[in-house]
Amino acid sequence: MIRSPLKSNAEDLAIPSQEHALKRMAEGWNRFWFNPIDPTTLGLVRICVGLLALYVHLVYIFDLQQLFGKDAWFNLATINDFRQNEPVYELPSDWGEESRWTPPTTPEEQQYRLK
């Protein structure tokens, strides 16, 4: 048994039983989710998030076409080329050793794996 120089009673250092730990955890869960509290903090957080969302929308309004339009960061031809010609590889859906993914090496494998 562990002895502490600060505590004279060895029972204070005993590990709580699993049943006691589960009960304390359940009480903490209920206290966190179901005790009534003052909603002022939650209201303040909601107001701040709403102001932040409004700010983002106001900032994007003035440069919307330059950011997301036809001649934006990537022009329309580049985006269409990326959509139509870039390969998309199918990764294995299981975790088995035999299904380890390797990049295609031959043109036949590349055509087979394109979606």
Protein backbone atom coordinates (compact mmCIF):
# COMPACT_ATOMS: atom_id res chain seq x y z
CA MET A 1 0.00 0.00 0.00
CA ILE A 2 1.21 3.50 -0.80
CA ARG A 3 1.98 5.74 2.15
CA SER A 4 1.98 9.49 1.89
CA PRO A 5 3.88 11.72 4.30
CA LEU A 6 1.06 14.25 4.04
CA LYS A 7 -1.75 11.85 4.92
CA SER A 8 -1.92 9.73 7.98
CA ASN A 9 -4.89 7.64 6.91
CA ALA A 10 -4.11 5.04 4.24
CA GLU A 11 -7.78 4.83 3.23
CA ASP A 12 -7.57 8.32 1.74
CA LEU A 13 -5.13 6.97 -0.85
CA ALA A 14 -7.22 3.96 -1.84
CA ILE A 15 -8.24 3.74 -5.48
CA PRO A 16 -12.00 4.26 -5.82
CA SER A 17 -14.00 1.31 -7.00
CA GLN A 18 -15.20 1.13 -10.57
CA GLU A 19 -18.79 1.49 -9.44
CA HIS A 20 -17.99 4.68 -7.55
CA ALA A 21 -16.08 6.09 -10.54
CA LEU A 22 -18.98 5.36 -12.90
CA LYS A 23 -21.42 7.01 -10.53
CA ARG A 24 -19.25 10.14 -10.29
CA MET A 25 -18.89 10.23 -14.06
CA ALA A 26 -22.67 9.97 -14.55
CA GLU A 27 -23.27 12.71 -11.98
CA GLY A 28 -20.76 14.95 -13.74
CA TRP A 29 -22.42 14.27 -17.10
CA ASN A 30 -25.84 15.19 -15.73
CA ARG A 31 -24.48 18.26 -13.98
CA PHE A 32 -22.80 19.48 -17.19
CA TRP A 33 -25.76 18.93 -19.53
CA PHE A 34 -28.88 19.30 -17.41
CA ASN A 35 -28.30 21.79 -14.60
CA PRO A 36 -29.97 25.13 -15.36
CA ILE A 37 -27.47 27.96 -15.79
CA ASP A 38 -27.54 31.59 -16.81
CA PRO A 39 -27.80 31.80 -20.64
CA THR A 40 -25.97 35.13 -20.88
CA THR A 41 -22.65 33.56 -21.90
CA LEU A 42 -24.26 31.45 -24.62
CA GLY A 43 -26.10 34.52 -25.91
CA LEU A 44 -22.85 36.48 -26.05
CA VAL A 45 -21.14 33.67 -27.99
CA ARG A 46 -24.03 33.55 -30.46
CA ILE A 47 -23.89 37.31 -31.00
CA CYS A 48 -20.12 37.19 -31.58
CA VAL A 49 -20.42 34.32 -34.08
CA GLY A 50 -23.20 36.18 -35.90
CA LEU A 51 -21.08 39.34 -36.11
CA LEU A 52 -18.14 37.33 -37.40
CA ALA A 53 -20.29 35.70 -40.10
CA LEU A 54 -21.68 39.11 -41.09
CA TYR A 55 -18.13 40.51 -41.31
CA VAL A 56 -16.99 37.66 -43.57
CA HIS A 57 -19.97 38.16 -45.89
CA LEU A 58 -19.42 41.92 -46.05
CA VAL A 59 -15.74 41.49 -46.89
CA TYR A 60 -16.43 38.95 -49.65
CA ILE A 61 -19.18 41.06 -51.28
CA PHE A 62 -16.77 43.56 -52.79
CA ASP A 63 -14.33 41.02 -54.30
CA LEU A 64 -16.66 38.14 -55.10
CA GLN A 65 -15.93 38.02 -58.83
CA GLN A 66 -12.18 38.44 -58.33
CA LEU A 67 -12.12 35.57 -55.83
CA PHE A 68 -14.66 33.13 -57.29
CA GLY A 69 -15.64 34.39 -60.76
CA LYS A 70 -14.76 33.29 -64.28
CA ASP A 71 -11.27 34.89 -64.20
CA ALA A 72 -10.54 34.36 -60.51
CA TRP A 73 -7.44 32.83 -58.89
CA PHE A 74 -7.74 30.00 -61.41
CA ASN A 75 -9.37 30.87 -64.69
CA LEU A 76 -12.24 28.86 -66.10
CA ALA A 77 -10.09 26.94 -68.59
CA THR A 78 -7.70 25.77 -65.86
CA ILE A 79 -10.54 24.66 -63.59
CA ASN A 80 -12.30 22.78 -66.42
CA ASP A 81 -9.02 21.10 -67.39
CA PHE A 82 -8.52 20.04 -63.79
CA ARG A 83 -12.07 18.69 -63.53
CA GLN A 84 -11.92 16.70 -66.75
CA ASN A 85 -8.31 15.52 -67.04
CA GLU A 86 -6.90 15.01 -63.56
CA PRO A 87 -7.03 11.37 -62.47
CA VAL A 88 -9.01 10.39 -59.42
CA TYR A 89 -7.74 7.18 -57.84
CA GLU A 90 -9.94 4.75 -55.98
CA LEU A 91 -8.45 3.83 -52.64
CA PRO A 92 -9.11 0.40 -51.17
CA SER A 93 -12.11 0.18 -48.89
CA ASP A 94 -10.79 -2.48 -46.53
CA TRP A 95 -7.80 -2.52 -44.20
CA GLY A 96 -6.34 -5.85 -45.29
CA GLU A 97 -2.66 -6.30 -45.97
CA GLU A 98 -3.31 -7.51 -49.53
CA SER A 99 -5.22 -4.34 -50.44
CA ARG A 100 -2.40 -1.89 -49.77
CA TRP A 101 -2.70 0.92 -52.32
CA THR A 102 0.13 1.56 -54.75
CA PRO A 103 0.17 4.28 -57.39
CA PRO A 104 -0.42 3.09 -60.96
CA THR A 105 2.76 2.69 -62.98
CA THR A 106 1.62 1.69 -66.46
CA PRO A 107 -0.85 3.52 -68.71
CA GLU A 108 -3.16 0.50 -68.55
CA GLU A 109 -3.28 0.72 -64.75
CA GLN A 110 -3.87 4.46 -64.93
CA GLN A 111 -6.83 3.97 -67.30
CA TYR A 112 -8.21 1.17 -65.12
CA ARG A 113 -8.07 3.24 -61.94
CA LEU A 114 -9.55 6.41 -63.40
CA LYS A 115 -13.09 7.16 -62.34
